[in-house]
């Protein structure tokens, strides 16, 4: 049972992180949120949490690249949920060293802290990007790893480190591998908020490539997968896909979102949003049978229902978005 446990969540200020923090608090878990220090002491999307949740979150400021900071943050916790990372693919083209430093060194520091402190439950966040364009569909956990961006390569390295720590030190690490997660509080660097914020305010929605397919999971389903995996001994030492098993092209997704928004909007391609040809992941569709078998997980929120919830949230928070600017 989760109630009464004490958890450290890295990347807590991010989109998925804030939803996971909220879910843990509502399950009765005492949460310490690891947030990268800034002079304004801002806490990202944690600021958007309901007040009854936010007041029960302990914020710890630090940098994942600082081993001492991570070690101190992990003191006294029963669980570590490691979501902290530099996650934007276009940014990784420009600053690959920073992405590797944060994502790989940061993960090493989390693993070292968990090993040294004997943390009984350790959860790492992978990504479907490690597979690259699907060589066979649906993609199961045995699919070859083929990173097509510096970001994806950093996550391959992270996963390998985690598996090695399980083998070398018997560290009870679990690896969840979400496909494309979406929902309220996600920034416009992701495709769904980009589509919705433009469709709500403009007569034209500008996107990059429209042909790639994505497997889209609503954020509460993804977070529920974290909690189920954390409680499963069968999931220790191996990656587990979290995806719906359903794919849709970006173009079809945009058309669906525009229809749900209910405005007459045209869809156009913006050249600056096109990724390098060899780096664009063209096809993603998960095989989620292992998640069902090991942790009893399957998605509960449909794409259409999740999109409507996300549209409603963005409509109420349009001041957080700048649809005129390409955000990455």
C-alpha atoms as a PDB file:
ATOM      1  CA  UNK A   1       0.000   0.000   0.000  1.00  0.00           C
ATOM      2  CA  UNK A   2       1.175   3.546  -0.747  1.00  0.00           C
ATOM      3  CA  UNK A   3      -0.241   5.411   2.267  1.00  0.00           C
ATOM      4  CA  UNK A   4       2.355   6.366   4.846  1.00  0.00           C
ATOM      5  CA  UNK A   5       5.344   6.079   2.516  1.00  0.00           C
ATOM      6  CA  UNK A   6       7.845   8.859   1.859  1.00  0.00           C
ATOM      7  CA  UNK A   7       8.783   9.506  -1.781  1.00  0.00           C
ATOM      8  CA  UNK A   8      11.336  11.647  -3.583  1.00  0.00           C
ATOM      9  CA  UNK A   9      10.209  12.825  -7.029  1.00  0.00           C
ATOM     10  CA  UNK A  10      12.858  14.340  -9.305  1.00  0.00           C
ATOM     11  CA  UNK A  11      11.590  16.407 -12.196  1.00  0.00           C
ATOM     12  CA  UNK A  12       8.636  17.253  -9.977  1.00  0.00           C
ATOM     13  CA  UNK A  13       8.255  20.710 -11.518  1.00  0.00           C
ATOM     14  CA  UNK A  14       7.584  19.201 -14.946  1.00  0.00           C
ATOM     15  CA  UNK A  15       4.393  18.097 -16.643  1.00  0.00           C
ATOM     16  CA  UNK A  16       4.287  14.402 -15.718  1.00  0.00           C
ATOM     17  CA  UNK A  17       6.132  15.084 -12.474  1.00  0.00           C
ATOM     18  CA  UNK A  18       3.442  17.418 -11.140  1.00  0.00           C
ATOM     19  CA  UNK A  19       0.703  14.907 -11.939  1.00  0.00           C
ATOM     20  CA  UNK A  20       2.662  12.141 -10.247  1.00  0.00           C
ATOM     21  CA  UNK A  21       3.194  14.335  -7.173  1.00  0.00           C
ATOM     22  CA  UNK A  22      -0.538  15.026  -7.037  1.00  0.00           C
ATOM     23  CA  UNK A  23      -1.420  11.340  -7.374  1.00  0.00           C
ATOM     24  CA  UNK A  24       1.055  10.332  -4.676  1.00  0.00           C
ATOM     25  CA  UNK A  25      -0.209  12.970  -2.233  1.00  0.00           C
ATOM     26  CA  UNK A  26      -3.790  11.854  -2.793  1.00  0.00           C
ATOM     27  CA  UNK A  27      -2.654   8.276  -2.083  1.00  0.00           C
ATOM     28  CA  UNK A  28      -1.365   9.401   1.315  1.00  0.00           C
ATOM     29  CA  UNK A  29       2.339   9.516   0.402  1.00  0.00           C
ATOM     30  CA  UNK A  30       4.624  12.147   1.925  1.00  0.00           C
ATOM     31  CA  UNK A  31       6.292  13.762  -1.110  1.00  0.00           C
ATOM     32  CA  UNK A  32       9.629  15.560  -1.398  1.00  0.00           C
ATOM     33  CA  UNK A  33       9.795  17.353  -4.751  1.00  0.00           C
ATOM     34  CA  UNK A  34      13.291  17.833  -6.222  1.00  0.00           C
ATOM     35  CA  UNK A  35      13.281  21.084  -8.213  1.00  0.00           C
ATOM     36  CA  UNK A  36      16.198  22.734  -9.969  1.00  0.00           C
ATOM     37  CA  UNK A  37      17.129  25.888  -8.080  1.00  0.00           C
ATOM     38  CA  UNK A  38      16.234  29.264  -9.550  1.00  0.00           C
ATOM     39  CA  UNK A  39      16.518  32.706  -7.966  1.00  0.00           C
ATOM     40  CA  UNK A  40      12.764  33.203  -7.994  1.00  0.00           C
ATOM     41  CA  UNK A  41      12.260  29.896  -6.178  1.00  0.00           C
ATOM     42  CA  UNK A  42       9.644  29.029  -8.768  1.00  0.00           C
ATOM     43  CA  UNK A  43       8.381  25.461  -8.839  1.00  0.00           C
ATOM     44  CA  UNK A  44       7.115  25.130 -12.413  1.00  0.00           C
ATOM     45  CA  UNK A  45       3.862  23.230 -12.818  1.00  0.00           C
ATOM     46  CA  UNK A  46       3.775  22.473  -9.096  1.00  0.00           C
ATOM     47  CA  UNK A  47       2.461  26.053  -8.824  1.00  0.00           C
ATOM     48  CA  UNK A  48      -0.633  24.838 -10.705  1.00  0.00           C
ATOM     49  CA  UNK A  49      -1.496  22.102  -8.220  1.00  0.00           C
ATOM     50  CA  UNK A  50      -4.649  22.425  -6.128  1.00  0.00           C
ATOM     51  CA  UNK A  51      -3.887  24.186  -2.841  1.00  0.00           C
ATOM     52  CA  UNK A  52      -4.747  21.148  -0.724  1.00  0.00           C
ATOM     53  CA  UNK A  53      -2.114  19.150  -2.605  1.00  0.00           C
ATOM     54  CA  UNK A  54       0.543  21.857  -2.838  1.00  0.00           C
ATOM     55  CA  UNK A  55       0.585  22.491   0.894  1.00  0.00           C
ATOM     56  CA  UNK A  56       1.521  18.852   1.474  1.00  0.00           C
ATOM     57  CA  UNK A  57       4.577  18.898  -0.803  1.00  0.00           C
ATOM     58  CA  UNK A  58       8.092  19.495   0.531  1.00  0.00           C
ATOM     59  CA  UNK A  59      10.189  21.282  -2.101  1.00  0.00           C
ATOM     60  CA  UNK A  60      13.922  20.544  -2.228  1.00  0.00           C
ATOM     61  CA  UNK A  61      16.004  22.774  -4.504  1.00  0.00           C
ATOM     62  CA  UNK A  62      19.093  21.381  -6.178  1.00  0.00           C
ATOM     63  CA  UNK A  63      20.727  20.180  -9.388  1.00  0.00           C
ATOM     64  CA  UNK A  64      20.719  16.537 -10.466  1.00  0.00           C
ATOM     65  CA  UNK A  65      24.350  16.883 -11.545  1.00  0.00           C
ATOM     66  CA  UNK A  66      25.332  17.549  -7.915  1.00  0.00           C
ATOM     67  CA  UNK A  67      25.782  14.157  -6.257  1.00  0.00           C
ATOM     68  CA  UNK A  68      25.718  15.630  -2.757  1.00  0.00           C
ATOM     69  CA  UNK A  69      22.407  17.421  -3.416  1.00  0.00           C
ATOM     70  CA  UNK A  70      20.793  14.232  -4.709  1.00  0.00           C
ATOM     71  CA  UNK A  71      22.170  12.209  -1.797  1.00  0.00           C
ATOM     72  CA  UNK A  72      20.743  14.678   0.715  1.00  0.00           C
ATOM     73  CA  UNK A  73      17.369  14.780  -1.029  1.00  0.00           C
ATOM     74  CA  UNK A  74      17.124  10.974  -0.960  1.00  0.00           C
ATOM     75  CA  UNK A  75      17.722  10.717   2.785  1.00  0.00           C
ATOM     76  CA  UNK A  76      14.885   8.983   4.604  1.00  0.00           C
ATOM     77  CA  UNK A  77      12.653   8.145   1.617  1.00  0.00           C
ATOM     78  CA  UNK A  78      11.105   4.779   0.798  1.00  0.00           C
ATOM     79  CA  UNK A  79      10.662   5.498  -2.904  1.00  0.00           C
ATOM     80  CA  UNK A  80      12.476   7.456  -5.588  1.00  0.00           C
ATOM     81  CA  UNK A  81      10.643   8.400  -8.774  1.00  0.00           C
ATOM     82  CA  UNK A  82      13.257   9.755 -11.159  1.00  0.00           C
ATOM     83  CA  UNK A  83      11.676  11.907 -13.849  1.00  0.00           C
ATOM     84  CA  UNK A  84      14.230  14.733 -13.890  1.00  0.00           C
ATOM     85  CA  UNK A  85      15.733  15.272 -17.353  1.00  0.00           C
ATOM     86  CA  UNK A  86      16.221  17.711 -20.199  1.00  0.00           C
ATOM     87  CA  UNK A  87      13.502  16.317 -22.444  1.00  0.00           C
ATOM     88  CA  UNK A  88      13.169  18.452 -25.567  1.00  0.00           C
ATOM     89  CA  UNK A  89      14.472  16.832 -28.726  1.00  0.00           C
ATOM     90  CA  UNK A  90      15.098  20.042 -30.732  1.00  0.00           C
ATOM     91  CA  UNK A  91      17.012  21.486 -27.751  1.00  0.00           C
ATOM     92  CA  UNK A  92      19.178  18.356 -27.679  1.00  0.00           C
ATOM     93  CA  UNK A  93      20.319  19.113 -31.223  1.00  0.00           C
ATOM     94  CA  UNK A  94      21.683  22.459 -30.020  1.00  0.00           C
ATOM     95  CA  UNK A  95      23.037  21.471 -26.609  1.00  0.00           C
ATOM     96  CA  UNK A  96      23.842  17.746 -26.556  1.00  0.00           C
ATOM     97  CA  UNK A  97      26.476  18.064 -23.816  1.00  0.00           C
ATOM     98  CA  UNK A  98      24.004  19.616 -21.376  1.00  0.00           C
ATOM     99  CA  UNK A  99      21.422  16.964 -22.192  1.00  0.00           C
ATOM    100  CA  UNK A 100      23.904  14.149 -21.552  1.00  0.00           C
ATOM    101  CA  UNK A 101      25.238  15.787 -18.383  1.00  0.00           C
ATOM    102  CA  UNK A 102      21.790  16.170 -16.850  1.00  0.00           C
ATOM    103  CA  UNK A 103      20.192  12.969 -18.090  1.00  0.00           C
ATOM    104  CA  UNK A 104      23.087  10.544 -17.660  1.00  0.00           C
ATOM    105  CA  UNK A 105      25.090  12.035 -14.794  1.00  0.00           C
ATOM    106  CA  UNK A 106      21.884  12.963 -13.015  1.00  0.00           C
ATOM    107  CA  UNK A 107      20.629   9.398 -13.289  1.00  0.00           C
ATOM    108  CA  UNK A 108      23.966   8.044 -12.072  1.00  0.00           C
ATOM    109  CA  UNK A 109      23.673  10.270  -8.997  1.00  0.00           C
ATOM    110  CA  UNK A 110      20.155   9.002  -8.291  1.00  0.00           C
ATOM    111  CA  UNK A 111      21.296   5.389  -8.629  1.00  0.00           C
ATOM    112  CA  UNK A 112      24.312   5.969  -6.388  1.00  0.00           C
ATOM    113  CA  UNK A 113      22.148   7.594  -3.738  1.00  0.00           C
ATOM    114  CA  UNK A 114      19.637   4.740  -3.840  1.00  0.00           C
ATOM    115  CA  UNK A 115      22.438   2.173  -3.624  1.00  0.00           C
ATOM    116  CA  UNK A 116      24.213   3.887  -0.748  1.00  0.00           C
ATOM    117  CA  UNK A 117      21.027   4.548   1.226  1.00  0.00           C
ATOM    118  CA  UNK A 118      19.375   1.190   0.517  1.00  0.00           C
ATOM    119  CA  UNK A 119      16.240   2.746  -0.968  1.00  0.00           C
ATOM    120  CA  UNK A 120      13.781  -0.149  -1.423  1.00  0.00           C
ATOM    121  CA  UNK A 121      11.815   1.229  -4.389  1.00  0.00           C
ATOM    122  CA  UNK A 122      13.482   3.051  -7.290  1.00  0.00           C
ATOM    123  CA  UNK A 123      11.575   4.060 -10.417  1.00  0.00           C
ATOM    124  CA  UNK A 124      13.217   5.465 -13.562  1.00  0.00           C
ATOM    125  CA  UNK A 125      11.474   7.151 -16.458  1.00  0.00           C
ATOM    126  CA  UNK A 126      12.528   6.014 -19.923  1.00  0.00           C
ATOM    127  CA  UNK A 127      10.910   6.985 -23.231  1.00  0.00           C
ATOM    128  CA  UNK A 128       9.657   5.361 -26.418  1.00  0.00           C
ATOM    129  CA  UNK A 129      12.191   7.530 -28.258  1.00  0.00           C
ATOM    130  CA  UNK A 130      14.859   4.927 -27.389  1.00  0.00           C
ATOM    131  CA  UNK A 131      13.333   2.620 -30.019  1.00  0.00           C
ATOM    132  CA  UNK A 132      13.499   5.121 -32.864  1.00  0.00           C
ATOM    133  CA  UNK A 133      11.235   4.525 -35.843  1.00  0.00           C
ATOM    134  CA  UNK A 134       9.483   1.201 -35.418  1.00  0.00           C
ATOM    135  CA  UNK A 135      11.217  -1.645 -37.258  1.00  0.00           C
ATOM    136  CA  UNK A 136       8.273  -3.887 -36.367  1.00  0.00           C
ATOM    137  CA  UNK A 137       4.897  -2.913 -34.929  1.00  0.00           C
ATOM    138  CA  UNK A 138       3.650  -2.963 -32.294  1.00  0.00           C
ATOM    139  CA  UNK A 139       6.870  -2.213 -30.381  1.00  0.00           C
ATOM    140  CA  UNK A 140       7.563  -4.527 -27.470  1.00  0.00           C
ATOM    141  CA  UNK A 141      10.389  -4.279 -24.959  1.00  0.00           C
ATOM    142  CA  UNK A 142      12.617  -6.546 -27.074  1.00  0.00           C
ATOM    143  CA  UNK A 143      12.569  -4.131 -30.007  1.00  0.00           C
ATOM    144  CA  UNK A 144      16.086  -2.938 -30.954  1.00  0.00           C
ATOM    145  CA  UNK A 145      17.153   0.361 -29.448  1.00  0.00           C
ATOM    146  CA  UNK A 146      17.894   2.934 -32.151  1.00  0.00           C
ATOM    147  CA  UNK A 147      18.178   6.472 -30.740  1.00  0.00           C
ATOM    148  CA  UNK A 148      17.756   9.132 -33.414  1.00  0.00           C
ATOM    149  CA  UNK A 149      18.501  12.237 -31.323  1.00  0.00           C
ATOM    150  CA  UNK A 150      20.986  13.143 -28.580  1.00  0.00           C
ATOM    151  CA  UNK A 151      18.058  13.158 -26.151  1.00  0.00           C
ATOM    152  CA  UNK A 152      17.088   9.593 -27.079  1.00  0.00           C
ATOM    153  CA  UNK A 153      20.713   8.475 -26.797  1.00  0.00           C
ATOM    154  CA  UNK A 154      20.940   9.935 -23.288  1.00  0.00           C
ATOM    155  CA  UNK A 155      17.893   7.923 -22.259  1.00  0.00           C
ATOM    156  CA  UNK A 156      19.375   4.716 -23.703  1.00  0.00           C
ATOM    157  CA  UNK A 157      22.434   5.373 -21.539  1.00  0.00           C
ATOM    158  CA  UNK A 158      20.243   6.058 -18.504  1.00  0.00           C
ATOM    159  CA  UNK A 159      18.377   2.772 -18.939  1.00  0.00           C
ATOM    160  CA  UNK A 160      21.613   0.829 -19.370  1.00  0.00           C
ATOM    161  CA  UNK A 161      23.002   2.346 -16.169  1.00  0.00           C
ATOM    162  CA  UNK A 162      19.881   1.356 -14.262  1.00  0.00           C
ATOM    163  CA  UNK A 163      19.976  -2.224 -15.537  1.00  0.00           C
ATOM    164  CA  UNK A 164      23.679  -2.435 -14.682  1.00  0.00           C
ATOM    165  CA  UNK A 165      23.024  -1.247 -11.114  1.00  0.00           C
ATOM    166  CA  UNK A 166      20.397  -3.947 -10.723  1.00  0.00           C
ATOM    167  CA  UNK A 167      22.853  -6.576 -11.956  1.00  0.00           C
ATOM    168  CA  UNK A 168      25.917  -5.309 -10.095  1.00  0.00           C
ATOM    169  CA  UNK A 169      24.378  -4.126  -6.805  1.00  0.00           C
ATOM    170  CA  UNK A 170      20.967  -5.821  -6.770  1.00  0.00           C
ATOM    171  CA  UNK A 171      19.367  -2.373  -6.752  1.00  0.00           C
ATOM    172  CA  UNK A 172      15.563  -2.768  -6.950  1.00  0.00           C
ATOM    173  CA  UNK A 173      15.130  -0.470  -9.920  1.00  0.00           C
ATOM    174  CA  UNK A 174      12.097  -0.428 -12.192  1.00  0.00           C
ATOM    175  CA  UNK A 175      12.032   1.272 -15.605  1.00  0.00           C
ATOM    176  CA  UNK A 176       8.789   2.521 -17.091  1.00  0.00           C
ATOM    177  CA  UNK A 177       8.895   3.482 -20.747  1.00  0.00           C
ATOM    178  CA  UNK A 178       6.011   5.840 -21.562  1.00  0.00           C
ATOM    179  CA  UNK A 179       5.084   6.459 -25.139  1.00  0.00           C
ATOM    180  CA  UNK A 180       3.680   9.954 -25.836  1.00  0.00           C
ATOM    181  CA  UNK A 181       2.014  11.319 -22.698  1.00  0.00           C
ATOM    182  CA  UNK A 182      -0.363  14.296 -22.871  1.00  0.00           C
ATOM    183  CA  UNK A 183      -2.809  16.202 -20.706  1.00  0.00           C
ATOM    184  CA  UNK A 184      -3.317  19.380 -18.654  1.00  0.00           C
ATOM    185  CA  UNK A 185      -0.229  21.360 -17.558  1.00  0.00           C
ATOM    186  CA  UNK A 186       1.841  20.239 -20.561  1.00  0.00           C
ATOM    187  CA  UNK A 187       3.778  23.068 -22.197  1.00  0.00           C
ATOM    188  CA  UNK A 188       3.596  24.130 -25.828  1.00  0.00           C
ATOM    189  CA  UNK A 189       6.896  22.397 -26.575  1.00  0.00           C
ATOM    190  CA  UNK A 190       4.703  19.257 -27.068  1.00  0.00           C
ATOM    191  CA  UNK A 191       2.525  18.760 -30.121  1.00  0.00           C
ATOM    192  CA  UNK A 192      -0.920  18.532 -28.500  1.00  0.00           C
ATOM    193  CA  UNK A 193      -0.736  21.812 -26.539  1.00  0.00           C
ATOM    194  CA  UNK A 194       0.760  23.402 -29.648  1.00  0.00           C
ATOM    195  CA  UNK A 195      -2.233  22.319 -31.723  1.00  0.00           C
ATOM    196  CA  UNK A 196      -4.841  23.237 -29.123  1.00  0.00           C
ATOM    197  CA  UNK A 197      -3.455  26.641 -28.113  1.00  0.00           C
ATOM    198  CA  UNK A 198      -3.241  27.686 -31.766  1.00  0.00           C
ATOM    199  CA  UNK A 199      -6.671  26.284 -32.630  1.00  0.00           C
ATOM    200  CA  UNK A 200      -8.253  28.203 -29.750  1.00  0.00           C
ATOM    201  CA  UNK A 201      -6.738  31.556 -30.741  1.00  0.00           C
ATOM    202  CA  UNK A 202      -5.737  31.542 -34.425  1.00  0.00           C
ATOM    203  CA  UNK A 203      -7.259  30.753 -37.799  1.00  0.00           C
ATOM    204  CA  UNK A 204      -4.199  28.699 -38.741  1.00  0.00           C
ATOM    205  CA  UNK A 205      -2.432  25.868 -36.932  1.00  0.00           C
ATOM    206  CA  UNK A 206       1.239  25.589 -37.890  1.00  0.00           C
ATOM    207  CA  UNK A 207       2.992  22.255 -37.369  1.00  0.00           C
ATOM    208  CA  UNK A 208       6.022  20.319 -38.551  1.00  0.00           C
ATOM    209  CA  UNK A 209       5.766  16.932 -40.262  1.00  0.00           C
ATOM    210  CA  UNK A 210       2.226  15.564 -40.367  1.00  0.00           C
ATOM    211  CA  UNK A 211       2.965  11.956 -41.359  1.00  0.00           C
ATOM    212  CA  UNK A 212       4.652  10.542 -38.206  1.00  0.00           C
ATOM    213  CA  UNK A 213       2.482   8.314 -36.035  1.00  0.00           C
ATOM    214  CA  UNK A 214       2.333   8.525 -32.251  1.00  0.00           C
ATOM    215  CA  UNK A 215       0.866   6.401 -29.462  1.00  0.00           C
ATOM    216  CA  UNK A 216      -0.749   8.865 -27.063  1.00  0.00           C
ATOM    217  CA  UNK A 217      -1.417   8.116 -23.393  1.00  0.00           C
ATOM    218  CA  UNK A 218      -3.321  10.408 -21.031  1.00  0.00           C
ATOM    219  CA  UNK A 219      -1.182  11.599 -18.142  1.00  0.00           C
ATOM    220  CA  UNK A 220      -3.168  10.034 -15.298  1.00  0.00           C
ATOM    221  CA  UNK A 221      -2.835   6.644 -16.997  1.00  0.00           C
ATOM    222  CA  UNK A 222       0.925   7.118 -17.262  1.00  0.00           C
ATOM    223  CA  UNK A 223       1.188   8.099 -13.594  1.00  0.00           C
ATOM    224  CA  UNK A 224      -0.926   5.146 -12.531  1.00  0.00           C
ATOM    225  CA  UNK A 225       1.586   2.958 -14.364  1.00  0.00           C
ATOM    226  CA  UNK A 226       4.365   4.423 -12.198  1.00  0.00           C
ATOM    227  CA  UNK A 227       2.503   3.544  -9.009  1.00  0.00           C
ATOM    228  CA  UNK A 228       1.642   0.027 -10.141  1.00  0.00           C
ATOM    229  CA  UNK A 229       5.219  -0.660 -11.235  1.00  0.00           C
ATOM    230  CA  UNK A 230       6.597   0.672  -7.955  1.00  0.00           C
ATOM    231  CA  UNK A 231       4.589  -1.946  -6.064  1.00  0.00           C
ATOM    232  CA  UNK A 232       5.491  -4.843  -8.386  1.00  0.00           C
ATOM    233  CA  UNK A 233       8.519  -7.012  -7.660  1.00  0.00           C
ATOM    234  CA  UNK A 234       8.034  -8.615 -11.078  1.00  0.00           C
ATOM    235  CA  UNK A 235       8.937  -5.309 -12.734  1.00  0.00           C
ATOM    236  CA  UNK A 236      12.332  -5.008 -11.052  1.00  0.00           C
ATOM    237  CA  UNK A 237      15.302  -4.786 -13.395  1.00  0.00           C
ATOM    238  CA  UNK A 238      13.435  -4.491 -16.683  1.00  0.00           C
ATOM    239  CA  UNK A 239      11.766  -1.816 -18.815  1.00  0.00           C
ATOM    240  CA  UNK A 240       7.986  -1.860 -19.184  1.00  0.00           C
ATOM    241  CA  UNK A 241       6.143  -0.037 -21.966  1.00  0.00           C
ATOM    242  CA  UNK A 242       3.266   2.276 -21.071  1.00  0.00           C
ATOM    243  CA  UNK A 243       1.256   2.927 -24.213  1.00  0.00           C
ATOM    244  CA  UNK A 244      -2.240   2.442 -25.583  1.00  0.00           C
ATOM    245  CA  UNK A 245      -1.391   0.173 -28.528  1.00  0.00           C
ATOM    246  CA  UNK A 246      -3.161   2.646 -30.805  1.00  0.00           C
ATOM    247  CA  UNK A 247      -1.383   5.045 -33.158  1.00  0.00           C
ATOM    248  CA  UNK A 248      -2.495   8.126 -35.054  1.00  0.00           C
ATOM    249  CA  UNK A 249      -0.683  10.438 -37.466  1.00  0.00           C
ATOM    250  CA  UNK A 250       0.097  13.986 -36.368  1.00  0.00           C
ATOM    251  CA  UNK A 251      -2.128  15.234 -39.174  1.00  0.00           C
ATOM    252  CA  UNK A 252      -5.069  13.091 -38.034  1.00  0.00           C
ATOM    253  CA  UNK A 253      -4.448  14.128 -34.437  1.00  0.00           C
ATOM    254  CA  UNK A 254      -4.546  17.797 -35.418  1.00  0.00           C
ATOM    255  CA  UNK A 255      -7.790  17.332 -37.322  1.00  0.00           C
ATOM    256  CA  UNK A 256      -9.367  15.565 -34.339  1.00  0.00           C
ATOM    257  CA  UNK A 257      -8.247  18.233 -31.877  1.00  0.00           C
ATOM    258  CA  UNK A 258      -9.441  21.039 -34.157  1.00  0.00           C
ATOM    259  CA  UNK A 259     -12.848  19.352 -34.468  1.00  0.00           C
ATOM    260  CA  UNK A 260     -13.117  19.099 -30.675  1.00  0.00           C
ATOM    261  CA  UNK A 261     -12.107  22.748 -30.277  1.00  0.00           C
ATOM    262  CA  UNK A 262     -14.978  23.613 -32.596  1.00  0.00           C
ATOM    263  CA  UNK A 263     -13.448  26.403 -34.666  1.00  0.00           C
ATOM    264  CA  UNK A 264     -12.884  26.711 -38.406  1.00  0.00           C
ATOM    265  CA  UNK A 265      -9.103  26.424 -38.565  1.00  0.00           C
ATOM    266  CA  UNK A 266      -6.709  25.537 -41.377  1.00  0.00           C
ATOM    267  CA  UNK A 267      -3.662  23.290 -40.941  1.00  0.00           C
ATOM    268  CA  UNK A 268      -0.312  24.280 -42.481  1.00  0.00           C
ATOM    269  CA  UNK A 269       3.285  23.058 -42.380  1.00  0.00           C
ATOM    270  CA  UNK A 270       5.919  25.330 -40.861  1.00  0.00           C
ATOM    271  CA  UNK A 271       9.444  24.623 -42.164  1.00  0.00           C
ATOM    272  CA  UNK A 272      11.200  25.654 -38.925  1.00  0.00           C
ATOM    273  CA  UNK A 273       9.311  22.902 -37.058  1.00  0.00           C
ATOM    274  CA  UNK A 274      10.578  20.133 -39.357  1.00  0.00           C
ATOM    275  CA  UNK A 275      13.163  17.896 -37.689  1.00  0.00           C
ATOM    276  CA  UNK A 276      16.190  16.517 -39.563  1.00  0.00           C
ATOM    277  CA  UNK A 277      14.989  13.684 -41.795  1.00  0.00           C
ATOM    278  CA  UNK A 278      17.122  10.977 -40.193  1.00  0.00           C
ATOM    279  CA  UNK A 279      16.182  12.149 -36.702  1.00  0.00           C
ATOM    280  CA  UNK A 280      12.400  12.196 -37.112  1.00  0.00           C
ATOM    281  CA  UNK A 281      10.840   9.113 -35.531  1.00  0.00           C
ATOM    282  CA  UNK A 282       8.274   8.134 -38.138  1.00  0.00           C
ATOM    283  CA  UNK A 283       6.299   5.365 -36.436  1.00  0.00           C
ATOM    284  CA  UNK A 284       5.520   4.608 -32.800  1.00  0.00           C
ATOM    285  CA  UNK A 285       2.918   2.145 -31.550  1.00  0.00           C
ATOM    286  CA  UNK A 286       3.345   0.230 -28.321  1.00  0.00           C
ATOM    287  CA  UNK A 287       2.875  -3.374 -27.393  1.00  0.00           C
ATOM    288  CA  UNK A 288       1.631  -3.047 -23.806  1.00  0.00           C
ATOM    289  CA  UNK A 289       1.087  -6.731 -23.031  1.00  0.00           C
ATOM    290  CA  UNK A 290       4.003  -6.862 -20.591  1.00  0.00           C
ATOM    291  CA  UNK A 291       2.517  -3.998 -18.559  1.00  0.00           C
ATOM    292  CA  UNK A 292      -0.761  -5.882 -18.333  1.00  0.00           C
ATOM    293  CA  UNK A 293       1.013  -9.084 -17.332  1.00  0.00           C
ATOM    294  CA  UNK A 294       3.525  -7.720 -14.804  1.00  0.00           C
ATOM    295  CA  UNK A 295       1.777  -4.768 -13.178  1.00  0.00           C
ATOM    296  CA  UNK A 296      -1.876  -5.096 -14.200  1.00  0.00           C
ATOM    297  CA  UNK A 297      -1.835  -1.833 -16.147  1.00  0.00           C
ATOM    298  CA  UNK A 298      -3.878  -0.770 -19.135  1.00  0.00           C
ATOM    299  CA  UNK A 299      -5.057   2.684 -20.229  1.00  0.00           C
ATOM    300  CA  UNK A 300      -8.440   3.890 -19.017  1.00  0.00           C
ATOM    301  CA  UNK A 301      -8.808   7.309 -20.692  1.00  0.00           C
ATOM    302  CA  UNK A 302      -9.500   7.371 -24.432  1.00  0.00           C
ATOM    303  CA  UNK A 303      -7.680   9.732 -26.767  1.00  0.00           C
ATOM    304  CA  UNK A 304     -10.873  11.675 -27.428  1.00  0.00           C
ATOM    305  CA  UNK A 305     -11.734  12.050 -23.727  1.00  0.00           C
ATOM    306  CA  UNK A 306      -8.155  13.030 -22.876  1.00  0.00           C
ATOM    307  CA  UNK A 307      -8.081  15.611 -25.651  1.00  0.00           C
ATOM    308  CA  UNK A 308     -11.326  17.173 -24.432  1.00  0.00           C
ATOM    309  CA  UNK A 309      -9.986  17.432 -20.866  1.00  0.00           C
ATOM    310  CA  UNK A 310      -6.800  19.009 -22.218  1.00  0.00           C
ATOM    311  CA  UNK A 311      -8.716  21.478 -24.398  1.00  0.00           C
ATOM    312  CA  UNK A 312     -10.844  22.529 -21.424  1.00  0.00           C
ATOM    313  CA  UNK A 313      -7.740  23.083 -19.277  1.00  0.00           C
ATOM    314  CA  UNK A 314      -5.828  25.049 -21.914  1.00  0.00           C
ATOM    315  CA  UNK A 315      -8.907  27.199 -22.610  1.00  0.00           C
ATOM    316  CA  UNK A 316      -8.905  28.143 -18.926  1.00  0.00           C
ATOM    317  CA  UNK A 317      -5.119  28.774 -18.878  1.00  0.00           C
ATOM    318  CA  UNK A 318      -4.455  30.490 -22.202  1.00  0.00           C
ATOM    319  CA  UNK A 319      -2.352  33.094 -20.407  1.00  0.00           C
ATOM    320  CA  UNK A 320       0.333  30.397 -20.035  1.00  0.00           C
ATOM    321  CA  UNK A 321       0.689  29.983 -23.810  1.00  0.00           C
ATOM    322  CA  UNK A 322       2.044  32.085 -26.648  1.00  0.00           C
ATOM    323  CA  UNK A 323       0.589  30.545 -29.826  1.00  0.00           C
ATOM    324  CA  UNK A 324       2.527  32.980 -32.022  1.00  0.00           C
ATOM    325  CA  UNK A 325       5.883  31.608 -30.892  1.00  0.00           C
ATOM    326  CA  UNK A 326       7.463  28.241 -31.768  1.00  0.00           C
ATOM    327  CA  UNK A 327       8.230  26.706 -28.392  1.00  0.00           C
ATOM    328  CA  UNK A 328      10.665  23.831 -28.054  1.00  0.00           C
END
